[in-house]
PDB file of N, CA and C in Angstrom:
ATOM      1  N   MET A   1      -2.455  -4.267   4.198  1.00  0.00           N
ATOM      2  CA  MET A   1      -3.703  -5.220   4.746  1.00  0.00           C
ATOM      3  C   MET A   1      -3.194  -6.118   5.747  1.00  0.00           C
ATOM      4  N   ASP A   2      -3.730  -6.300   6.388  1.00  0.00           N
ATOM      5  CA  ASP A   2      -3.260  -7.488   7.743  1.00  0.00           C
ATOM      6  C   ASP A   2      -3.431  -8.611   7.222  1.00  0.00           C
ATOM      7  N   ASP A   3      -3.282 -10.114   8.186  1.00  0.00           N
ATOM      8  CA  ASP A   3      -3.249 -11.202   7.104  1.00  0.00           C
ATOM      9  C   ASP A   3      -4.899 -11.523   7.336  1.00  0.00           C
ATOM     10  N   HIS A   4      -5.734 -11.399   7.856  1.00  0.00           N
ATOM     11  CA  HIS A   4      -6.816 -11.481   8.270  1.00  0.00           C
ATOM     12  C   HIS A   4      -7.867 -10.637   7.056  1.00  0.00           C
ATOM     13  N   GLU A   5      -7.337  -9.274   6.510  1.00  0.00           N
ATOM     14  CA  GLU A   5      -7.834  -9.163   5.197  1.00  0.00           C
ATOM     15  C   GLU A   5      -7.299  -9.965   3.952  1.00  0.00           C
ATOM     16  N   ILE A   6      -6.055 -10.108   4.180  1.00  0.00           N
ATOM     17  CA  ILE A   6      -5.597 -10.568   2.763  1.00  0.00           C
ATOM     18  C   ILE A   6      -6.216 -12.056   2.839  1.00  0.00           C
ATOM     19  N   ASN A   7      -6.733 -12.895   3.581  1.00  0.00           N
ATOM     20  CA  ASN A   7      -7.082 -14.245   3.414  1.00  0.00           C
ATOM     21  C   ASN A   7      -8.499 -13.833   2.830  1.00  0.00           C
ATOM     22  N   LEU A   8      -9.606 -13.088   3.545  1.00  0.00           N
ATOM     23  CA  LEU A   8     -10.796 -12.445   2.933  1.00  0.00           C
ATOM     24  C   LEU A   8     -10.402 -12.371   1.630  1.00  0.00           C
ATOM     25  N   ALA A   9      -9.676 -11.610   1.329  1.00  0.00           N
ATOM     26  CA  ALA A   9      -9.686 -10.647  -0.234  1.00  0.00           C
ATOM     27  C   ALA A   9      -9.546 -12.073  -1.145  1.00  0.00           C
ATOM     28  N   ILE A  10      -8.377 -12.833  -1.113  1.00  0.00           N
ATOM     29  CA  ILE A  10      -8.228 -13.713  -1.944  1.00  0.00           C
ATOM     30  C   ILE A  10      -9.522 -14.989  -1.883  1.00  0.00           C
ATOM     31  N   ALA A  11      -9.739 -15.152  -0.607  1.00  0.00           N
ATOM     32  CA  ALA A  11     -11.224 -15.913  -0.549  1.00  0.00           C
ATOM     33  C   ALA A  11     -12.204 -15.293  -1.661  1.00  0.00           C
ATOM     34  N   LYS A  12     -12.382 -14.454  -1.619  1.00  0.00           N
ATOM     35  CA  LYS A  12     -13.644 -13.769  -2.309  1.00  0.00           C
ATOM     36  C   LYS A  12     -13.096 -13.911  -3.827  1.00  0.00           C
ATOM     37  N   LEU A  13     -11.971 -13.800  -4.079  1.00  0.00           N
ATOM     38  CA  LEU A  13     -11.682 -13.805  -5.544  1.00  0.00           C
ATOM     39  C   LEU A  13     -11.831 -15.372  -6.213  1.00  0.00           C
ATOM     40  N   GLU A  14     -11.489 -16.424  -5.084  1.00  0.00           N
ATOM     41  CA  GLU A  14     -11.552 -17.778  -5.144  1.00  0.00           C
ATOM     42  C   GLU A  14     -12.564 -18.353  -5.203  1.00  0.00           C
ATOM     43  N   TYR A  15     -13.671 -17.819  -4.349  1.00  0.00           N
ATOM     44  CA  TYR A  15     -14.882 -18.490  -4.067  1.00  0.00           C
ATOM     45  C   TYR A  15     -16.051 -17.058  -3.912  1.00  0.00           C
ATOM     46  N   PRO A  16     -16.063 -16.907  -5.029  1.00  0.00           N
ATOM     47  CA  PRO A  16     -17.367 -15.560  -4.944  1.00  0.00           C
ATOM     48  C   PRO A  16     -18.639 -15.918  -5.218  1.00  0.00           C
ATOM     49  N   GLU A  17     -18.688 -16.754  -5.130  1.00  0.00           N
ATOM     50  CA  GLU A  17     -20.423 -17.292  -4.921  1.00  0.00           C
ATOM     51  C   GLU A  17     -20.739 -17.960  -3.572  1.00  0.00           C
ATOM     52  N   THR A  18     -19.583 -17.796  -2.375  1.00  0.00           N
ATOM     53  CA  THR A  18     -19.651 -18.228  -0.960  1.00  0.00           C
ATOM     54  C   THR A  18     -20.142 -17.172  -0.365  1.00  0.00           C
ATOM     55  N   ARG A  19     -21.659 -17.613   0.620  1.00  0.00           N
ATOM     56  CA  ARG A  19     -21.864 -16.878   1.304  1.00  0.00           C
ATOM     57  C   ARG A  19     -21.520 -16.957   2.682  1.00  0.00           C
ATOM     58  N   ASN A  20     -21.586 -15.359   3.381  1.00  0.00           N
ATOM     59  CA  ASN A  20     -20.848 -15.144   4.692  1.00  0.00           C
ATOM     60  C   ASN A  20     -19.453 -15.936   4.737  1.00  0.00           C
ATOM     61  N   LEU A  21     -18.739 -15.343   3.609  1.00  0.00           N
ATOM     62  CA  LEU A  21     -17.157 -15.757   3.248  1.00  0.00           C
ATOM     63  C   LEU A  21     -16.408 -15.562   4.707  1.00  0.00           C
ATOM     64  N   LYS A  22     -16.800 -14.869   5.581  1.00  0.00           N
ATOM     65  CA  LYS A  22     -15.902 -14.409   6.857  1.00  0.00           C
ATOM     66  C   LYS A  22     -15.691 -15.801   7.627  1.00  0.00           C
ATOM     67  N   LEU A  23     -17.097 -16.034   7.875  1.00  0.00           N
ATOM     68  CA  LEU A  23     -17.200 -17.490   8.983  1.00  0.00           C
ATOM     69  C   LEU A  23     -16.762 -18.512   7.765  1.00  0.00           C
ATOM     70  N   TRP A  24     -16.963 -18.577   6.737  1.00  0.00           N
ATOM     71  CA  TRP A  24     -16.288 -19.912   5.837  1.00  0.00           C
ATOM     72  C   TRP A  24     -14.718 -19.761   5.707  1.00  0.00           C
ATOM     73  N   VAL A  25     -14.360 -18.354   5.887  1.00  0.00           N
ATOM     74  CA  VAL A  25     -12.402 -19.009   6.218  1.00  0.00           C
ATOM     75  C   VAL A  25     -12.175 -19.377   7.529  1.00  0.00           C
ATOM     76  N   GLU A  26     -12.950 -18.740   8.169  1.00  0.00           N
ATOM     77  CA  GLU A  26     -12.498 -19.292   9.374  1.00  0.00           C
ATOM     78  C   GLU A  26     -12.867 -20.472   9.804  1.00  0.00           C
ATOM     79  N   GLN A  27     -14.150 -21.027   9.770  1.00  0.00           N
ATOM     80  CA  GLN A  27     -14.530 -22.792   9.548  1.00  0.00           C
ATOM     81  C   GLN A  27     -13.658 -23.907   9.014  1.00  0.00           C
ATOM     82  N   ASN A  28     -12.870 -23.033   7.373  1.00  0.00           N
ATOM     83  CA  ASN A  28     -12.281 -24.159   6.597  1.00  0.00           C
ATOM     84  C   ASN A  28     -10.895 -23.586   7.588  1.00  0.00           C
ATOM     85  N   MET A  29     -10.207 -22.846   8.426  1.00  0.00           N
ATOM     86  CA  MET A  29      -8.899 -22.217   8.620  1.00  0.00           C
ATOM     87  C   MET A  29      -8.106 -21.843   7.667  1.00  0.00           C
ATOM     88  N   VAL A  30      -8.400 -21.044   6.538  1.00  0.00           N
ATOM     89  CA  VAL A  30      -7.873 -21.406   5.111  1.00  0.00           C
ATOM     90  C   VAL A  30      -7.120 -19.887   5.677  1.00  0.00           C
ATOM     91  N   SER A  31      -5.895 -20.268   5.054  1.00  0.00           N
ATOM     92  CA  SER A  31      -4.880 -18.882   5.708  1.00  0.00           C
ATOM     93  C   SER A  31      -3.924 -19.205   4.164  1.00  0.00           C
ATOM     94  N   TYR A  32      -3.668 -18.117   3.512  1.00  0.00           N
ATOM     95  CA  TYR A  32      -3.146 -18.057   2.065  1.00  0.00           C
ATOM     96  C   TYR A  32      -1.745 -17.310   2.433  1.00  0.00           C
ATOM     97  N   THR A  33      -1.984 -16.818   3.854  1.00  0.00           N
ATOM     98  CA  THR A  33      -0.923 -15.716   4.188  1.00  0.00           C
ATOM     99  C   THR A  33       0.433 -16.740   4.710  1.00  0.00           C
ATOM    100  N   GLU A  34       0.126 -17.582   5.149  1.00  0.00           N
ATOM    101  CA  GLU A  34       0.431 -19.099   6.190  1.00  0.00           C
ATOM    102  C   GLU A  34       0.649 -19.858   5.327  1.00  0.00           C
ATOM    103  N   GLY A  35      -0.502 -20.730   4.661  1.00  0.00           N
ATOM    104  CA  GLY A  35      -0.505 -21.988   4.736  1.00  0.00           C
ATOM    105  C   GLY A  35      -0.006 -22.362   3.322  1.00  0.00           C
ATOM    106  N   TRP A  36       0.708 -22.894   2.815  1.00  0.00           N
ATOM    107  CA  TRP A  36       1.788 -23.514   1.535  1.00  0.00           C
ATOM    108  C   TRP A  36       0.127 -24.175   0.902  1.00  0.00           C
ATOM    109  N   LEU A  37      -0.602 -25.104   1.574  1.00  0.00           N
ATOM    110  CA  LEU A  37      -1.299 -25.684   0.818  1.00  0.00           C
ATOM    111  C   LEU A  37      -2.611 -24.680   0.176  1.00  0.00           C
ATOM    112  N   ASP A  38      -2.713 -23.628   1.138  1.00  0.00           N
ATOM    113  CA  ASP A  38      -3.943 -22.641   0.475  1.00  0.00           C
ATOM    114  C   ASP A  38      -3.426 -22.144  -0.940  1.00  0.00           C
ATOM    115  N   ILE A  39      -2.310 -21.569  -0.462  1.00  0.00           N
ATOM    116  CA  ILE A  39      -1.504 -20.652  -1.436  1.00  0.00           C
ATOM    117  C   ILE A  39      -1.199 -20.997  -2.655  1.00  0.00           C
ATOM    118  N   GLY A  40      -0.088 -22.131  -2.367  1.00  0.00           N
ATOM    119  CA  GLY A  40       0.437 -22.875  -3.472  1.00  0.00           C
ATOM    120  C   GLY A  40      -0.565 -23.134  -4.708  1.00  0.00           C
ATOM    121  N   PRO A  41      -1.516 -23.570  -4.734  1.00  0.00           N
ATOM    122  CA  PRO A  41      -2.137 -23.886  -6.144  1.00  0.00           C
ATOM    123  C   PRO A  41      -2.269 -22.359  -6.816  1.00  0.00           C
ATOM    124  N   ILE A  42      -2.439 -21.368  -5.822  1.00  0.00           N
ATOM    125  CA  ILE A  42      -2.443 -20.117  -6.978  1.00  0.00           C
ATOM    126  C   ILE A  42      -1.241 -19.963  -7.394  1.00  0.00           C
ATOM    127  N   ILE A  43       0.149 -19.987  -6.676  1.00  0.00           N
ATOM    128  CA  ILE A  43       1.071 -19.918  -6.898  1.00  0.00           C
ATOM    129  C   ILE A  43       1.559 -20.394  -8.005  1.00  0.00           C
ATOM    130  N   GLU A  44       0.854 -21.461  -8.254  1.00  0.00           N
ATOM    131  CA  GLU A  44       1.498 -22.495  -9.170  1.00  0.00           C
ATOM    132  C   GLU A  44       0.653 -22.301 -10.423  1.00  0.00           C
ATOM    133  N   ARG A  45      -0.609 -21.824 -10.031  1.00  0.00           N
ATOM    134  CA  ARG A  45      -1.669 -21.491 -11.308  1.00  0.00           C
ATOM    135  C   ARG A  45      -1.583 -20.150 -11.740  1.00  0.00           C
ATOM    136  N   GLU A  46      -0.761 -19.068 -10.938  1.00  0.00           N
ATOM    137  CA  GLU A  46      -0.805 -17.946 -12.100  1.00  0.00           C
ATOM    138  C   GLU A  46       0.818 -17.573 -12.112  1.00  0.00           C
ATOM    139  N   LYS A  47       1.627 -18.421 -11.688  1.00  0.00           N
ATOM    140  CA  LYS A  47       3.470 -18.399 -12.525  1.00  0.00           C
ATOM    141  C   LYS A  47       3.925 -17.895 -11.279  1.00  0.00           C
ATOM    142  N   ILE A  48       3.550 -17.807 -10.072  1.00  0.00           N
ATOM    143  CA  ILE A  48       4.256 -16.377  -9.057  1.00  0.00           C
ATOM    144  C   ILE A  48       5.538 -16.899  -9.233  1.00  0.00           C
ATOM    145  N   ASN A  49       6.965 -16.168  -9.077  1.00  0.00           N
ATOM    146  CA  ASN A  49       7.990 -16.456  -8.814  1.00  0.00           C
ATOM    147  C   ASN A  49       8.068 -16.147  -7.195  1.00  0.00           C
ATOM    148  N   ILE A  50       8.925 -16.806  -6.637  1.00  0.00           N
ATOM    149  CA  ILE A  50       9.365 -16.481  -4.887  1.00  0.00           C
ATOM    150  C   ILE A  50      10.597 -16.590  -4.985  1.00  0.00           C
ATOM    151  N   SER A  51      11.320 -15.464  -4.663  1.00  0.00           N
ATOM    152  CA  SER A  51      12.970 -15.404  -3.875  1.00  0.00           C
ATOM    153  C   SER A  51      13.350 -14.292  -2.593  1.00  0.00           C
ATOM    154  N   TYR A  52      13.985 -14.919  -2.042  1.00  0.00           N
ATOM    155  CA  TYR A  52      14.566 -14.081  -0.790  1.00  0.00           C
ATOM    156  C   TYR A  52      15.263 -13.193  -1.070  1.00  0.00           C
ATOM    157  N   GLN A  53      15.018 -11.958  -0.683  1.00  0.00           N
ATOM    158  CA  GLN A  53      16.084 -10.867  -1.169  1.00  0.00           C
ATOM    159  C   GLN A  53      17.213 -10.490   0.089  1.00  0.00           C
ATOM    160  N   ASP A  54      16.839  -9.893   1.074  1.00  0.00           N
ATOM    161  CA  ASP A  54      17.602  -9.884   2.044  1.00  0.00           C
ATOM    162  C   ASP A  54      16.985  -9.268   3.843  1.00  0.00           C
ATOM    163  N   LYS A  55      17.677  -9.107   4.486  1.00  0.00           N
ATOM    164  CA  LYS A  55      16.958  -9.254   5.794  1.00  0.00           C
ATOM    165  C   LYS A  55      15.864  -7.826   5.498  1.00  0.00           C
ATOM    166  N   LYS A  56      16.679  -6.828   5.067  1.00  0.00           N
ATOM    167  CA  LYS A  56      15.757  -5.458   4.708  1.00  0.00           C
ATOM    168  C   LYS A  56      14.396  -5.780   3.924  1.00  0.00           C
ATOM    169  N   LEU A  57      14.347  -6.511   3.209  1.00  0.00           N
ATOM    170  CA  LEU A  57      13.208  -6.583   2.127  1.00  0.00           C
ATOM    171  C   LEU A  57      12.535  -7.904   2.265  1.00  0.00           C
ATOM    172  N   GLY A  58      13.416  -9.130   3.100  1.00  0.00           N
ATOM    173  CA  GLY A  58      12.339 -10.185   2.650  1.00  0.00           C
ATOM    174  C   GLY A  58      12.342 -10.749   2.205  1.00  0.00           C
ATOM    175  N   TRP A  59      11.270 -11.421   1.710  1.00  0.00           N
ATOM    176  CA  TRP A  59      10.794 -12.043   0.010  1.00  0.00           C
ATOM    177  C   TRP A  59      10.247 -11.162  -1.092  1.00  0.00           C
ATOM    178  N   CYS A  60      10.478 -11.433  -1.790  1.00  0.00           N
ATOM    179  CA  CYS A  60       9.770 -11.022  -3.161  1.00  0.00           C
ATOM    180  C   CYS A  60       9.039 -12.057  -3.730  1.00  0.00           C
ATOM    181  N   ALA A  61       7.579 -11.720  -4.007  1.00  0.00           N
ATOM    182  CA  ALA A  61       7.186 -12.493  -5.187  1.00  0.00           C
ATOM    183  C   ALA A  61       6.531 -11.526  -6.300  1.00  0.00           C
ATOM    184  N   TYR A  62       6.920 -11.872  -7.689  1.00  0.00           N
ATOM    185  CA  TYR A  62       6.190 -11.636  -8.940  1.00  0.00           C
ATOM    186  C   TYR A  62       5.839 -12.373  -9.992  1.00  0.00           C
ATOM    187  N   PHE A  63       5.135 -11.686 -10.719  1.00  0.00           N
ATOM    188  CA  PHE A  63       4.550 -12.696 -11.722  1.00  0.00           C
ATOM    189  C   PHE A  63       6.203 -12.900 -12.965  1.00  0.00           C
ATOM    190  N   ASN A  64       6.407 -11.575 -13.043  1.00  0.00           N
ATOM    191  CA  ASN A  64       7.453 -12.140 -14.269  1.00  0.00           C
ATOM    192  C   ASN A  64       8.439 -10.640 -13.904  1.00  0.00           C
ATOM    193  N   ILE A  65      10.065 -11.181 -14.221  1.00  0.00           N
ATOM    194  CA  ILE A  65      11.601 -10.431 -13.770  1.00  0.00           C
ATOM    195  C   ILE A  65      10.792  -8.551 -14.514  1.00  0.00           C
ATOM    196  N   PHE A  66       9.780  -8.136 -15.281  1.00  0.00           N
ATOM    197  CA  PHE A  66       9.510  -6.499 -15.728  1.00  0.00           C
ATOM    198  C   PHE A  66       8.568  -6.422 -14.848  1.00  0.00           C
ATOM    199  N   ASP A  67       7.400  -6.941 -13.796  1.00  0.00           N
ATOM    200  CA  ASP A  67       6.122  -7.070 -13.779  1.00  0.00           C
ATOM    201  C   ASP A  67       6.054  -5.834 -12.622  1.00  0.00           C
ATOM    202  N   GLU A  68       4.873  -4.893 -12.282  1.00  0.00           N
ATOM    203  CA  GLU A  68       4.947  -4.049 -11.539  1.00  0.00           C
ATOM    204  C   GLU A  68       4.391  -4.534 -10.384  1.00  0.00           C
ATOM    205  N   HIS A  69       4.022  -6.027 -10.290  1.00  0.00           N
ATOM    206  CA  HIS A  69       2.417  -6.619  -9.220  1.00  0.00           C
ATOM    207  C   HIS A  69       3.635  -7.092  -8.366  1.00  0.00           C
ATOM    208  N   GLU A  70       4.948  -6.762  -8.169  1.00  0.00           N
ATOM    209  CA  GLU A  70       5.841  -7.559  -7.271  1.00  0.00           C
ATOM    210  C   GLU A  70       5.643  -6.968  -5.464  1.00  0.00           C
ATOM    211  N   ALA A  71       5.605  -8.176  -4.469  1.00  0.00           N
ATOM    212  CA  ALA A  71       5.277  -7.480  -3.511  1.00  0.00           C
ATOM    213  C   ALA A  71       6.260  -8.086  -2.417  1.00  0.00           C
ATOM    214  N   TYR A  72       6.553  -7.439  -1.398  1.00  0.00           N
ATOM    215  CA  TYR A  72       7.580  -7.866  -0.423  1.00  0.00           C
ATOM    216  C   TYR A  72       6.731  -8.387   0.581  1.00  0.00           C
ATOM    217  N   ALA A  73       7.226  -8.918   1.759  1.00  0.00           N
ATOM    218  CA  ALA A  73       6.712  -9.648   3.053  1.00  0.00           C
ATOM    219  C   ALA A  73       8.137 -10.342   3.747  1.00  0.00           C
ATOM    220  N   ASP A  74       7.614 -10.929   5.087  1.00  0.00           N
ATOM    221  CA  ASP A  74       8.363 -11.068   5.160  1.00  0.00           C
ATOM    222  C   ASP A  74       8.291 -13.225   5.532  1.00  0.00           C
ATOM    223  N   THR A  75       7.522 -13.407   5.053  1.00  0.00           N
ATOM    224  CA  THR A  75       7.561 -14.893   4.388  1.00  0.00           C
ATOM    225  C   THR A  75       7.151 -14.975   3.067  1.00  0.00           C
ATOM    226  N   PRO A  76       7.589 -15.922   2.601  1.00  0.00           N
ATOM    227  CA  PRO A  76       7.419 -16.503   1.100  1.00  0.00           C
ATOM    228  C   PRO A  76       5.777 -16.455   0.899  1.00  0.00           C
ATOM    229  N   THR A  77       4.888 -17.208   1.526  1.00  0.00           N
ATOM    230  CA  THR A  77       3.384 -17.124   1.582  1.00  0.00           C
ATOM    231  C   THR A  77       3.010 -15.756   1.535  1.00  0.00           C
ATOM    232  N   LYS A  78       3.016 -15.343   2.665  1.00  0.00           N
ATOM    233  CA  LYS A  78       2.621 -13.882   2.452  1.00  0.00           C
ATOM    234  C   LYS A  78       2.479 -13.014   1.293  1.00  0.00           C
ATOM    235  N   ALA A  79       4.011 -12.753   0.502  1.00  0.00           N
ATOM    236  CA  ALA A  79       4.458 -12.174  -0.375  1.00  0.00           C
ATOM    237  C   ALA A  79       3.666 -12.697  -1.746  1.00  0.00           C
ATOM    238  N   ALA A  80       3.751 -13.960  -1.544  1.00  0.00           N
ATOM    239  CA  ALA A  80       3.070 -14.277  -2.744  1.00  0.00           C
ATOM    240  C   ALA A  80       1.177 -14.115  -2.679  1.00  0.00           C
ATOM    241  N   ALA A  81       0.890 -14.099  -1.399  1.00  0.00           N
ATOM    242  CA  ALA A  81      -0.637 -13.617  -1.091  1.00  0.00           C
ATOM    243  C   ALA A  81      -0.810 -12.328  -1.688  1.00  0.00           C
ATOM    244  N   LEU A  82       0.121 -11.561  -1.157  1.00  0.00           N
ATOM    245  CA  LEU A  82      -0.264  -9.723  -1.260  1.00  0.00           C
ATOM    246  C   LEU A  82       0.296  -9.698  -3.548  1.00  0.00           C
ATOM    247  N   CYS A  83       0.905 -10.117  -3.849  1.00  0.00           N
ATOM    248  CA  CYS A  83       1.761 -10.320  -5.145  1.00  0.00           C
ATOM    249  C   CYS A  83      -0.138 -10.382  -6.185  1.00  0.00           C
ATOM    250  N   TYR A  84      -0.451 -11.383  -5.551  1.00  0.00           N
ATOM    251  CA  TYR A  84      -1.739 -12.354  -6.640  1.00  0.00           C
ATOM    252  C   TYR A  84      -3.015 -11.448  -6.026  1.00  0.00           C
ATOM    253  N   LEU A  85      -3.008 -10.398  -4.870  1.00  0.00           N
ATOM    254  CA  LEU A  85      -3.946  -9.080  -4.875  1.00  0.00           C
ATOM    255  C   LEU A  85      -3.211  -8.381  -5.635  1.00  0.00           C
ATOM    256  N   LYS A  86      -2.324  -7.793  -5.663  1.00  0.00           N
ATOM    257  CA  LYS A  86      -2.045  -6.592  -6.741  1.00  0.00           C
ATOM    258  C   LYS A  86      -2.289  -7.197  -7.877  1.00  0.00           C
ATOM    259  N   MET A  87      -1.976  -8.013  -8.449  1.00  0.00           N
ATOM    260  CA  MET A  87      -2.293  -8.444  -9.703  1.00  0.00           C
ATOM    261  C   MET A  87      -3.632  -8.639 -10.057  1.00  0.00           C
ATOM    262  N   LYS A  88      -4.460  -8.630  -9.274  1.00  0.00           N
ATOM    263  CA  LYS A  88      -5.594  -8.546  -9.364  1.00  0.00           C
ATOM    264  C   LYS A  88      -6.568  -7.324  -8.828  1.00  0.00           C
ATOM    265  N   GLY A  89      -5.783  -6.272  -8.505  1.00  0.00           N
ATOM    266  CA  GLY A  89      -5.783  -4.667  -8.629  1.00  0.00           C
ATOM    267  C   GLY A  89      -6.275  -4.455  -7.219  1.00  0.00           C
ATOM    268  N   ILE A  90      -6.001  -5.619  -6.441  1.00  0.00           N
ATOM    269  CA  ILE A  90      -6.741  -5.341  -4.831  1.00  0.00           C
ATOM    270  C   ILE A  90      -5.378  -5.155  -4.402  1.00  0.00           C
ATOM    271  N   GLY A  91      -5.695  -3.818  -2.836  1.00  0.00           N
ATOM    272  CA  GLY A  91      -4.857  -3.528  -2.023  1.00  0.00           C
ATOM    273  C   GLY A  91      -3.282  -3.141  -2.228  1.00  0.00           C
ATOM    274  N   ASN A  92      -2.737  -2.676  -1.871  1.00  0.00           N
ATOM    275  CA  ASN A  92      -1.185  -2.218  -2.429  1.00  0.00           C
ATOM    276  C   ASN A  92      -0.052  -2.712  -2.272  1.00  0.00           C
ATOM    277  N   GLY A  93      -0.432  -4.053  -2.334  1.00  0.00           N
ATOM    278  CA  GLY A  93       0.628  -5.533  -2.295  1.00  0.00           C
ATOM    279  C   GLY A  93       1.955  -4.698  -1.418  1.00  0.00           C
TER     280      GLY A  93
END
């Protein structure tokens, strides 16, 4: 999933009643893949852990150490966003 698809998927989960979600995301400049203010509350609420692995793997986000929902990305915010979607059964994380 690219950043735009990730942002739309999370917005759909967080604001299911919002009409024209794509426009809403663009107008509100929501970026779960880049903005700590957007993804931070989700990280705290869902108790997502984030750690840096190495240059090859980048950042890892996971619910707990034995969780199958871990996700890797080049930034901690994107890893957390992918992990959250994976926890919800969306995308490949």
